[in-house]
Amino acid sequence: MVPLTKLNFITGNKNKVAEVKAILGNLIDVENQAVDLPEIQGTVEDIATEKCRRAANAIGGPVLTEDTALEFHALGGLPGPYIKSFLDALGHEGLNKLLDSFETRKADAVCTFAFCSGPGSDPVLFQGRTEGVIVRPRGPANFGWDPIFEYHGKTYAEMDKKEKNVISHRYKALIKLQDWLTDGGH
């Protein structure tokens, strides 16, 4: 197997691109391309796998895709992979209100990267989880649900990029990907 020297990260989210480049940039050249892919329904893993397959077919070569979920313990894992739609519809305060009548505000931030070497190949998944709690918004509101996800006393939005990039769900998933790449993709 020829070692990979670059990854084509399929996303339109510039914040995600910046985090991936900050974490993987010393190991591999990360390029970015936005491709409009249909969103399927299912588990986080089902969605990540299918999205990656479709991206590889659209590009005709190797791709890296990413899916993020925010799983509220009180709601049995919802909103999960549908967090973007929930956030768009309810906002930070609405997401908080969903939990107001429950005893727990615990949540798991889940990031699933999928790598596919090209059309017809099976995607390989790399998942990271960080457990935290949902709080009233604190910090800049410029990256999704970061202002309401608190880990060890700070929301993701209150953390500087370096601090977040060594504890986040995305970091944990990327370390698994990095280890896999370092081992020759096996």
N, C-alpha and C. Protein backbone atom coordinates (compact mmCIF):
# COMPACT_ATOMS: atom_id res chain seq x y z
N MET A 1 0.84 -1.18 0.00
CA MET A 1 0.00 0.00 0.00
C MET A 1 0.89 1.25 0.00
N VAL A 2 0.63 2.17 -0.93
CA VAL A 2 1.38 3.42 -1.02
C VAL A 2 0.94 4.34 0.12
N PRO A 3 1.88 4.91 0.88
CA PRO A 3 1.47 5.78 1.98
C PRO A 3 0.77 7.03 1.45
N LEU A 4 -0.24 7.45 2.18
CA LEU A 4 -0.98 8.65 1.82
C LEU A 4 -0.15 9.88 2.17
N THR A 5 -0.12 10.84 1.25
CA THR A 5 0.58 12.09 1.53
C THR A 5 -0.40 13.24 1.70
N LYS A 6 -1.65 13.02 1.24
CA LYS A 6 -2.65 14.06 1.43
C LYS A 6 -4.03 13.44 1.57
N LEU A 7 -4.91 14.18 2.26
CA LEU A 7 -6.30 13.79 2.44
C LEU A 7 -7.18 14.88 1.88
N ASN A 8 -8.24 14.50 1.20
CA ASN A 8 -9.23 15.45 0.72
C ASN A 8 -10.39 15.42 1.71
N PHE A 9 -10.44 16.40 2.60
CA PHE A 9 -11.47 16.47 3.64
C PHE A 9 -12.71 17.14 3.04
N ILE A 10 -13.79 16.37 2.98
CA ILE A 10 -15.02 16.83 2.35
C ILE A 10 -15.91 17.50 3.39
N THR A 11 -15.92 18.82 3.38
CA THR A 11 -16.80 19.58 4.27
C THR A 11 -16.87 21.02 3.78
N GLY A 12 -17.98 21.66 4.06
CA GLY A 12 -18.12 23.08 3.77
C GLY A 12 -17.89 23.92 5.02
N ASN A 13 -17.56 23.28 6.14
CA ASN A 13 -17.41 23.97 7.42
C ASN A 13 -15.95 24.34 7.63
N LYS A 14 -15.64 25.63 7.49
CA LYS A 14 -14.26 26.11 7.59
C LYS A 14 -13.68 25.92 9.00
N ASN A 15 -14.53 25.96 10.04
CA ASN A 15 -14.04 25.73 11.40
C ASN A 15 -13.54 24.30 11.55
N LYS A 16 -14.26 23.34 10.97
CA LYS A 16 -13.81 21.94 11.03
C LYS A 16 -12.51 21.76 10.27
N VAL A 17 -12.39 22.41 9.11
CA VAL A 17 -11.16 22.33 8.33
C VAL A 17 -9.98 22.84 9.15
N ALA A 18 -10.17 23.97 9.82
CA ALA A 18 -9.09 24.55 10.62
C ALA A 18 -8.66 23.61 11.75
N GLU A 19 -9.64 22.97 12.43
CA GLU A 19 -9.30 22.05 13.51
C GLU A 19 -8.57 20.83 12.99
N VAL A 20 -9.03 20.26 11.87
CA VAL A 20 -8.38 19.08 11.31
C VAL A 20 -6.95 19.41 10.89
N LYS A 21 -6.76 20.56 10.23
CA LYS A 21 -5.42 20.96 9.83
C LYS A 21 -4.52 21.20 11.04
N ALA A 22 -5.07 21.79 12.10
CA ALA A 22 -4.27 22.05 13.31
C ALA A 22 -3.82 20.76 13.97
N ILE A 23 -4.65 19.73 13.91
CA ILE A 23 -4.33 18.47 14.59
C ILE A 23 -3.52 17.53 13.70
N LEU A 24 -3.84 17.45 12.42
CA LEU A 24 -3.17 16.50 11.52
C LEU A 24 -2.12 17.12 10.61
N GLY A 25 -2.04 18.44 10.58
CA GLY A 25 -1.21 19.15 9.60
C GLY A 25 0.25 18.75 9.55
N ASN A 26 0.82 18.32 10.67
CA ASN A 26 2.23 17.93 10.66
C ASN A 26 2.44 16.54 10.09
N LEU A 27 1.36 15.75 10.01
CA LEU A 27 1.46 14.37 9.53
C LEU A 27 1.14 14.23 8.05
N ILE A 28 0.12 14.97 7.60
CA ILE A 28 -0.38 14.77 6.25
C ILE A 28 -0.96 16.09 5.74
N ASP A 29 -0.85 16.32 4.44
CA ASP A 29 -1.41 17.51 3.82
C ASP A 29 -2.93 17.35 3.74
N VAL A 30 -3.66 18.26 4.37
CA VAL A 30 -5.12 18.21 4.38
C VAL A 30 -5.65 19.24 3.40
N GLU A 31 -6.27 18.76 2.34
CA GLU A 31 -6.95 19.64 1.38
C GLU A 31 -8.43 19.60 1.69
N ASN A 32 -9.16 20.56 1.14
CA ASN A 32 -10.58 20.66 1.45
C ASN A 32 -11.38 20.85 0.17
N GLN A 33 -12.53 20.18 0.15
CA GLN A 33 -13.46 20.35 -0.94
C GLN A 33 -14.87 20.22 -0.39
N ALA A 34 -15.75 21.11 -0.80
CA ALA A 34 -17.15 21.01 -0.39
C ALA A 34 -17.92 20.26 -1.48
N VAL A 35 -18.62 19.23 -1.08
CA VAL A 35 -19.45 18.45 -1.99
C VAL A 35 -20.82 18.33 -1.35
N ASP A 36 -21.85 18.65 -2.10
CA ASP A 36 -23.21 18.56 -1.58
C ASP A 36 -23.64 17.10 -1.58
N LEU A 37 -23.73 16.52 -0.38
CA LEU A 37 -24.11 15.12 -0.23
C LEU A 37 -25.44 15.04 0.51
N PRO A 38 -26.31 14.12 0.10
CA PRO A 38 -27.58 13.98 0.82
C PRO A 38 -27.34 13.43 2.23
N GLU A 39 -28.12 13.91 3.19
CA GLU A 39 -28.04 13.41 4.56
C GLU A 39 -28.98 12.24 4.71
N ILE A 40 -28.46 11.10 5.15
CA ILE A 40 -29.31 9.95 5.39
C ILE A 40 -29.64 9.89 6.87
N GLN A 41 -30.60 9.08 7.23
CA GLN A 41 -30.94 8.89 8.63
C GLN A 41 -30.43 7.54 9.10
N GLY A 42 -30.11 7.44 10.37
CA GLY A 42 -29.61 6.20 10.95
C GLY A 42 -28.74 6.50 12.14
N THR A 43 -27.93 5.52 12.51
CA THR A 43 -26.98 5.72 13.61
C THR A 43 -25.85 6.64 13.14
N VAL A 44 -25.09 7.13 14.07
CA VAL A 44 -23.93 7.95 13.72
C VAL A 44 -23.02 7.18 12.76
N GLU A 45 -22.81 5.92 13.05
CA GLU A 45 -21.93 5.08 12.22
C GLU A 45 -22.50 4.86 10.82
N ASP A 46 -23.81 4.60 10.74
CA ASP A 46 -24.46 4.42 9.42
C ASP A 46 -24.31 5.66 8.57
N ILE A 47 -24.57 6.80 9.18
CA ILE A 47 -24.51 8.07 8.46
C ILE A 47 -23.09 8.35 7.99
N ALA A 48 -22.11 8.15 8.87
CA ALA A 48 -20.71 8.41 8.52
C ALA A 48 -20.25 7.50 7.38
N THR A 49 -20.61 6.24 7.44
CA THR A 49 -20.21 5.28 6.42
C THR A 49 -20.80 5.64 5.06
N GLU A 50 -22.09 5.90 5.03
CA GLU A 50 -22.75 6.21 3.75
C GLU A 50 -22.28 7.53 3.17
N LYS A 51 -22.11 8.52 4.01
CA LYS A 51 -21.62 9.83 3.55
C LYS A 51 -20.24 9.68 2.90
N CYS A 52 -19.38 8.89 3.53
CA CYS A 52 -18.04 8.69 3.00
C CYS A 52 -18.06 7.95 1.66
N ARG A 53 -18.89 6.91 1.57
CA ARG A 53 -19.02 6.18 0.30
C ARG A 53 -19.45 7.12 -0.83
N ARG A 54 -20.47 7.93 -0.54
CA ARG A 54 -21.00 8.85 -1.56
C ARG A 54 -19.96 9.90 -1.95
N ALA A 55 -19.21 10.38 -0.98
CA ALA A 55 -18.16 11.37 -1.28
C ALA A 55 -17.07 10.76 -2.16
N ALA A 56 -16.66 9.53 -1.85
CA ALA A 56 -15.63 8.85 -2.66
C ALA A 56 -16.11 8.67 -4.09
N ASN A 57 -17.39 8.32 -4.25
CA ASN A 57 -17.95 8.18 -5.59
C ASN A 57 -18.00 9.52 -6.31
N ALA A 58 -18.37 10.59 -5.60
CA ALA A 58 -18.47 11.91 -6.21
C ALA A 58 -17.10 12.45 -6.63
N ILE A 59 -16.09 12.19 -5.81
CA ILE A 59 -14.74 12.69 -6.07
C ILE A 59 -13.97 11.75 -6.99
N GLY A 60 -14.28 10.46 -6.91
CA GLY A 60 -13.57 9.47 -7.71
C GLY A 60 -12.21 9.14 -7.12
N GLY A 61 -12.06 9.29 -5.81
CA GLY A 61 -10.77 9.01 -5.18
C GLY A 61 -10.88 9.02 -3.67
N PRO A 62 -9.74 9.06 -2.99
CA PRO A 62 -9.75 8.99 -1.53
C PRO A 62 -10.36 10.24 -0.89
N VAL A 63 -11.12 10.02 0.18
CA VAL A 63 -11.76 11.12 0.89
C VAL A 63 -11.76 10.88 2.39
N LEU A 64 -11.89 11.97 3.10
CA LEU A 64 -12.12 11.96 4.54
C LEU A 64 -13.38 12.76 4.78
N THR A 65 -14.33 12.18 5.50
CA THR A 65 -15.54 12.90 5.87
C THR A 65 -15.67 12.88 7.38
N GLU A 66 -16.57 13.72 7.89
CA GLU A 66 -16.74 13.82 9.33
C GLU A 66 -18.19 14.06 9.66
N ASP A 67 -18.64 13.45 10.72
CA ASP A 67 -19.98 13.69 11.25
C ASP A 67 -19.88 13.90 12.74
N THR A 68 -20.63 14.88 13.21
CA THR A 68 -20.63 15.21 14.62
C THR A 68 -22.01 14.97 15.19
N ALA A 69 -22.04 14.46 16.40
CA ALA A 69 -23.31 14.23 17.10
C ALA A 69 -23.19 14.82 18.50
N LEU A 70 -24.34 15.20 19.06
CA LEU A 70 -24.40 15.63 20.44
C LEU A 70 -25.54 14.84 21.08
N GLU A 71 -25.16 13.90 21.93
CA GLU A 71 -26.11 12.95 22.51
C GLU A 71 -26.46 13.33 23.94
N PHE A 72 -27.70 13.73 24.17
CA PHE A 72 -28.17 14.06 25.51
C PHE A 72 -28.54 12.77 26.22
N HIS A 73 -27.96 12.50 27.37
CA HIS A 73 -28.25 11.27 28.12
C HIS A 73 -29.73 11.18 28.47
N ALA A 74 -30.33 12.30 28.89
CA ALA A 74 -31.73 12.31 29.32
C ALA A 74 -32.69 11.97 28.18
N LEU A 75 -32.27 12.20 26.94
CA LEU A 75 -33.13 11.96 25.78
C LEU A 75 -32.73 10.71 25.01
N GLY A 76 -32.04 9.80 25.68
CA GLY A 76 -31.67 8.54 25.03
C GLY A 76 -30.76 8.71 23.83
N GLY A 77 -29.97 9.77 23.82
CA GLY A 77 -29.02 9.96 22.72
C GLY A 77 -29.44 11.03 21.71
N LEU A 78 -30.67 11.51 21.78
CA LEU A 78 -31.08 12.60 20.88
C LEU A 78 -30.45 13.90 21.37
N PRO A 79 -30.24 14.85 20.55
CA PRO A 79 -30.48 14.90 19.12
C PRO A 79 -29.49 14.08 18.29
N GLY A 80 -28.39 13.66 18.89
CA GLY A 80 -27.45 12.77 18.19
C GLY A 80 -26.95 13.37 16.89
N PRO A 81 -26.98 12.59 15.80
CA PRO A 81 -26.44 13.07 14.53
C PRO A 81 -27.30 14.17 13.89
N TYR A 82 -28.44 14.45 14.48
CA TYR A 82 -29.34 15.47 13.94
C TYR A 82 -29.18 16.80 14.66
N ILE A 83 -28.07 16.97 15.39
CA ILE A 83 -27.85 18.17 16.18
C ILE A 83 -27.91 19.43 15.35
N LYS A 84 -27.40 19.42 14.14
CA LYS A 84 -27.41 20.63 13.31
C LYS A 84 -28.85 21.09 13.07
N SER A 85 -29.73 20.17 12.74
CA SER A 85 -31.14 20.52 12.51
C SER A 85 -31.80 21.01 13.79
N PHE A 86 -31.52 20.35 14.92
CA PHE A 86 -32.08 20.77 16.20
C PHE A 86 -31.57 22.18 16.56
N LEU A 87 -30.27 22.42 16.36
CA LEU A 87 -29.69 23.71 16.68
C LEU A 87 -30.28 24.81 15.79
N ASP A 88 -30.43 24.52 14.50
CA ASP A 88 -31.02 25.49 13.58
C ASP A 88 -32.45 25.83 13.98
N ALA A 89 -33.21 24.82 14.41
CA ALA A 89 -34.62 25.03 14.75
C ALA A 89 -34.83 25.64 16.13
N LEU A 90 -33.98 25.26 17.11
CA LEU A 90 -34.21 25.64 18.51
C LEU A 90 -33.24 26.66 19.07
N GLY A 91 -32.06 26.73 18.50
CA GLY A 91 -31.03 27.60 19.05
C GLY A 91 -30.46 27.04 20.34
N HIS A 92 -29.46 27.73 20.87
CA HIS A 92 -28.81 27.28 22.10
C HIS A 92 -29.78 27.22 23.27
N GLU A 93 -30.62 28.24 23.41
CA GLU A 93 -31.55 28.29 24.53
C GLU A 93 -32.60 27.19 24.41
N GLY A 94 -33.09 26.94 23.20
CA GLY A 94 -34.08 25.88 22.99
C GLY A 94 -33.53 24.50 23.32
N LEU A 95 -32.27 24.27 22.98
CA LEU A 95 -31.64 22.98 23.32
C LEU A 95 -31.57 22.82 24.83
N ASN A 96 -31.27 23.90 25.52
CA ASN A 96 -31.26 23.87 26.98
C ASN A 96 -32.64 23.57 27.54
N LYS A 97 -33.65 24.19 26.98
CA LYS A 97 -35.02 24.00 27.47
C LYS A 97 -35.48 22.55 27.33
N LEU A 98 -34.95 21.85 26.33
CA LEU A 98 -35.28 20.43 26.18
C LEU A 98 -34.92 19.63 27.43
N LEU A 99 -33.90 20.08 28.14
CA LEU A 99 -33.38 19.34 29.30
C LEU A 99 -33.86 19.87 30.64
N ASP A 100 -34.58 20.99 30.63
CA ASP A 100 -34.94 21.64 31.89
C ASP A 100 -35.74 20.76 32.85
N SER A 101 -36.52 19.83 32.36
CA SER A 101 -37.33 19.00 33.27
C SER A 101 -36.65 17.69 33.65
N PHE A 102 -35.43 17.50 33.22
CA PHE A 102 -34.71 16.26 33.51
C PHE A 102 -33.67 16.47 34.62
N GLU A 103 -33.34 15.39 35.31
CA GLU A 103 -32.35 15.46 36.39
C GLU A 103 -30.92 15.55 35.87
N THR A 104 -30.67 15.00 34.70
CA THR A 104 -29.30 15.03 34.17
C THR A 104 -29.21 15.92 32.94
N ARG A 105 -28.11 16.62 32.86
CA ARG A 105 -27.81 17.46 31.70
C ARG A 105 -26.55 16.92 31.00
N LYS A 106 -26.16 15.68 31.38
CA LYS A 106 -24.98 15.08 30.77
C LYS A 106 -25.21 14.86 29.28
N ALA A 107 -24.11 15.00 28.53
CA ALA A 107 -24.17 14.80 27.09
C ALA A 107 -22.82 14.29 26.60
N ASP A 108 -22.85 13.56 25.51
CA ASP A 108 -21.63 13.11 24.85
C ASP A 108 -21.49 13.85 23.53
N ALA A 109 -20.34 14.48 23.35
CA ALA A 109 -19.97 15.04 22.05
C ALA A 109 -19.28 13.90 21.30
N VAL A 110 -19.77 13.59 20.11
CA VAL A 110 -19.26 12.45 19.35
C VAL A 110 -18.81 12.93 17.97
N CYS A 111 -17.62 12.56 17.60
CA CYS A 111 -17.11 12.87 16.27
C CYS A 111 -16.71 11.56 15.59
N THR A 112 -17.19 11.38 14.38
CA THR A 112 -16.86 10.18 13.62
C THR A 112 -16.27 10.61 12.27
N PHE A 113 -14.98 10.32 12.09
CA PHE A 113 -14.34 10.51 10.79
C PHE A 113 -14.43 9.21 10.04
N ALA A 114 -14.60 9.33 8.73
CA ALA A 114 -14.62 8.14 7.87
C ALA A 114 -13.63 8.39 6.73
N PHE A 115 -12.79 7.40 6.48
CA PHE A 115 -11.84 7.47 5.37
C PHE A 115 -12.20 6.38 4.37
N CYS A 116 -12.21 6.75 3.11
CA CYS A 116 -12.45 5.79 2.04
C CYS A 116 -11.38 6.00 0.98
N SER A 117 -10.74 4.93 0.56
CA SER A 117 -9.65 5.05 -0.41
C SER A 117 -10.13 5.28 -1.83
N GLY A 118 -11.44 5.16 -2.06
CA GLY A 118 -11.99 5.44 -3.39
C GLY A 118 -13.27 4.68 -3.63
N PRO A 119 -13.90 4.91 -4.79
CA PRO A 119 -15.16 4.24 -5.11
C PRO A 119 -15.03 2.72 -4.98
N GLY A 120 -16.03 2.11 -4.35
CA GLY A 120 -16.05 0.65 -4.20
C GLY A 120 -15.33 0.15 -2.96
N SER A 121 -14.61 1.01 -2.27
CA SER A 121 -13.89 0.61 -1.05
C SER A 121 -14.77 0.84 0.17
N ASP A 122 -14.56 0.02 1.19
CA ASP A 122 -15.31 0.19 2.43
C ASP A 122 -14.66 1.28 3.29
N PRO A 123 -15.46 2.21 3.79
CA PRO A 123 -14.93 3.23 4.68
C PRO A 123 -14.45 2.64 6.00
N VAL A 124 -13.43 3.28 6.57
CA VAL A 124 -12.90 2.94 7.88
C VAL A 124 -13.30 4.09 8.81
N LEU A 125 -13.87 3.75 9.98
CA LEU A 125 -14.36 4.77 10.90
C LEU A 125 -13.41 4.99 12.08
N PHE A 126 -13.34 6.25 12.52
CA PHE A 126 -12.51 6.66 13.66
C PHE A 126 -13.39 7.57 14.52
N GLN A 127 -13.72 7.11 15.72
CA GLN A 127 -14.68 7.83 16.54
C GLN A 127 -14.06 8.29 17.85
N GLY A 128 -14.41 9.51 18.24
CA GLY A 128 -13.99 10.06 19.52
C GLY A 128 -15.20 10.58 20.27
N ARG A 129 -15.16 10.44 21.61
CA ARG A 129 -16.25 10.91 22.47
C ARG A 129 -15.68 11.70 23.63
N THR A 130 -16.39 12.77 23.96
CA THR A 130 -16.06 13.55 25.15
C THR A 130 -17.36 13.76 25.92
N GLU A 131 -17.36 13.37 27.19
CA GLU A 131 -18.56 13.56 28.02
C GLU A 131 -18.49 14.91 28.71
N GLY A 132 -19.61 15.61 28.67
CA GLY A 132 -19.71 16.90 29.32
C GLY A 132 -21.13 17.12 29.79
N VAL A 133 -21.49 18.38 29.97
CA VAL A 133 -22.85 18.74 30.37
C VAL A 133 -23.33 19.90 29.51
N ILE A 134 -24.64 19.97 29.35
CA ILE A 134 -25.25 21.06 28.61
C ILE A 134 -25.55 22.19 29.58
N VAL A 135 -25.09 23.40 29.24
CA VAL A 135 -25.25 24.58 30.09
C VAL A 135 -25.84 25.72 29.27
N ARG A 136 -26.27 26.77 29.97
CA ARG A 136 -26.72 27.98 29.28
C ARG A 136 -25.51 28.53 28.51
N PRO A 137 -25.74 29.14 27.35
CA PRO A 137 -24.64 29.57 26.47
C PRO A 137 -23.64 30.51 27.15
N ARG A 138 -22.35 30.17 26.92
CA ARG A 138 -21.25 31.00 27.40
C ARG A 138 -20.16 30.99 26.33
N GLY A 139 -19.61 32.17 26.07
CA GLY A 139 -18.54 32.27 25.08
C GLY A 139 -19.09 32.61 23.70
N PRO A 140 -18.17 32.84 22.75
CA PRO A 140 -18.58 33.23 21.40
C PRO A 140 -19.47 32.15 20.74
N ALA A 141 -20.45 32.62 20.01
CA ALA A 141 -21.41 31.70 19.35
C ALA A 141 -21.07 31.53 17.88
N ASN A 142 -19.79 31.30 17.57
CA ASN A 142 -19.40 31.21 16.16
C ASN A 142 -19.08 29.80 15.68
N PHE A 143 -19.31 28.78 16.52
CA PHE A 143 -19.04 27.41 16.07
C PHE A 143 -20.07 26.47 16.70
N GLY A 144 -21.20 26.34 16.01
CA GLY A 144 -22.22 25.36 16.38
C GLY A 144 -22.66 25.45 17.83
N TRP A 145 -22.63 24.30 18.49
CA TRP A 145 -23.11 24.18 19.86
C TRP A 145 -22.00 24.33 20.91
N ASP A 146 -20.84 24.80 20.51
CA ASP A 146 -19.72 24.99 21.45
C ASP A 146 -20.10 25.81 22.69
N PRO A 147 -20.96 26.85 22.58
CA PRO A 147 -21.27 27.65 23.77
C PRO A 147 -22.09 26.92 24.84
N ILE A 148 -22.70 25.78 24.52
CA ILE A 148 -23.54 25.09 25.51
C ILE A 148 -22.95 23.77 25.99
N PHE A 149 -21.81 23.36 25.43
CA PHE A 149 -21.19 22.09 25.85
C PHE A 149 -20.03 22.39 26.77
N GLU A 150 -20.19 22.01 28.04
CA GLU A 150 -19.18 22.29 29.06
C GLU A 150 -18.40 21.03 29.40
N TYR A 151 -17.09 21.20 29.46
CA TYR A 151 -16.18 20.12 29.84
C TYR A 151 -15.25 20.67 30.92
N HIS A 152 -15.31 20.08 32.09
CA HIS A 152 -14.46 20.48 33.22
C HIS A 152 -14.52 21.99 33.49
N GLY A 153 -15.73 22.53 33.56
CA GLY A 153 -15.92 23.91 33.98
C GLY A 153 -15.89 24.98 32.91
N LYS A 154 -15.53 24.60 31.68
CA LYS A 154 -15.50 25.56 30.58
C LYS A 154 -16.29 25.01 29.40
N THR A 155 -16.99 25.92 28.70
CA THR A 155 -17.62 25.48 27.45
C THR A 155 -16.54 25.41 26.38
N TYR A 156 -16.81 24.64 25.35
CA TYR A 156 -15.87 24.61 24.22
C TYR A 156 -15.62 26.02 23.70
N ALA A 157 -16.68 26.86 23.67
CA ALA A 157 -16.54 28.22 23.17
C ALA A 157 -15.63 29.08 24.04
N GLU A 158 -15.54 28.78 25.33
CA GLU A 158 -14.67 29.54 26.24
C GLU A 158 -13.21 29.11 26.16
N MET A 159 -12.95 27.97 25.57
CA MET A 159 -11.58 27.47 25.46
C MET A 159 -10.89 28.08 24.26
N ASP A 160 -9.57 28.29 24.38
CA ASP A 160 -8.85 28.69 23.18
C ASP A 160 -8.68 27.45 22.31
N LYS A 161 -8.34 27.68 21.06
CA LYS A 161 -8.28 26.57 20.09
C LYS A 161 -7.33 25.45 20.53
N LYS A 162 -6.17 25.82 21.06
CA LYS A 162 -5.19 24.81 21.48
C LYS A 162 -5.74 23.96 22.62
N GLU A 163 -6.40 24.60 23.57
CA GLU A 163 -6.97 23.87 24.70
C GLU A 163 -8.05 22.89 24.22
N LYS A 164 -8.94 23.37 23.37
CA LYS A 164 -10.01 22.51 22.84
C LYS A 164 -9.43 21.37 22.01
N ASN A 165 -8.40 21.68 21.22
CA ASN A 165 -7.86 20.68 20.29
C ASN A 165 -7.09 19.56 20.96
N VAL A 166 -6.97 19.54 22.28
CA VAL A 166 -6.33 18.40 22.94
C VAL A 166 -7.29 17.62 23.84
N ILE A 167 -8.57 18.03 23.88
CA ILE A 167 -9.54 17.30 24.71
C ILE A 167 -10.83 16.97 23.96
N SER A 168 -11.03 17.55 22.81
CA SER A 168 -12.32 17.45 22.14
C SER A 168 -12.57 16.07 21.53
N HIS A 169 -13.83 15.83 21.25
CA HIS A 169 -14.28 14.63 20.55
C HIS A 169 -13.60 14.53 19.18
N ARG A 170 -13.42 15.66 18.51
CA ARG A 170 -12.77 15.68 17.20
C ARG A 170 -11.31 15.28 17.34
N TYR A 171 -10.63 15.81 18.35
CA TYR A 171 -9.24 15.46 18.59
C TYR A 171 -9.09 13.95 18.83
N LYS A 172 -9.96 13.40 19.68
CA LYS A 172 -9.87 11.97 20.00
C LYS A 172 -10.05 11.10 18.75
N ALA A 173 -10.97 11.50 17.87
CA ALA A 173 -11.17 10.75 16.63
C ALA A 173 -9.97 10.91 15.70
N LEU A 174 -9.44 12.13 15.62
CA LEU A 174 -8.30 12.38 14.73
C LEU A 174 -7.03 11.67 15.20
N ILE A 175 -6.86 11.50 16.51
CA ILE A 175 -5.70 10.75 17.02
C ILE A 175 -5.79 9.30 16.55
N LYS A 176 -7.01 8.73 16.57
CA LYS A 176 -7.18 7.36 16.07
C LYS A 176 -6.85 7.29 14.58
N LEU A 177 -7.30 8.29 13.82
CA LEU A 177 -6.98 8.35 12.39
C LEU A 177 -5.48 8.51 12.19
N GLN A 178 -4.87 9.39 12.96
CA GLN A 178 -3.43 9.63 12.86
C GLN A 178 -2.65 8.34 13.14
N ASP A 179 -3.03 7.62 14.18
CA ASP A 179 -2.38 6.35 14.51
C ASP A 179 -2.52 5.36 13.36
N TRP A 180 -3.70 5.30 12.77
CA TRP A 180 -3.96 4.40 11.65
C TRP A 180 -3.10 4.76 10.45
N LEU A 181 -3.00 6.06 10.16
CA LEU A 181 -2.16 6.52 9.04
C LEU A 181 -0.70 6.21 9.30
N THR A 182 -0.26 6.44 10.53
CA THR A 182 1.13 6.18 10.91
C THR A 182 1.46 4.70 10.78
N ASP A 183 0.49 3.84 11.06
CA ASP A 183 0.69 2.39 10.93
C ASP A 183 0.52 1.89 9.51
N GLY A 184 0.43 2.82 8.56
CA GLY A 184 0.33 2.43 7.15
C GLY A 184 -1.09 2.16 6.69
N GLY A 185 -2.07 2.65 7.42
CA GLY A 185 -3.45 2.47 7.00
C GLY A 185 -3.97 1.06 7.19
N HIS A 186 -3.59 0.44 8.31
CA HIS A 186 -4.05 -0.92 8.58
C HIS A 186 -4.74 -0.98 9.93
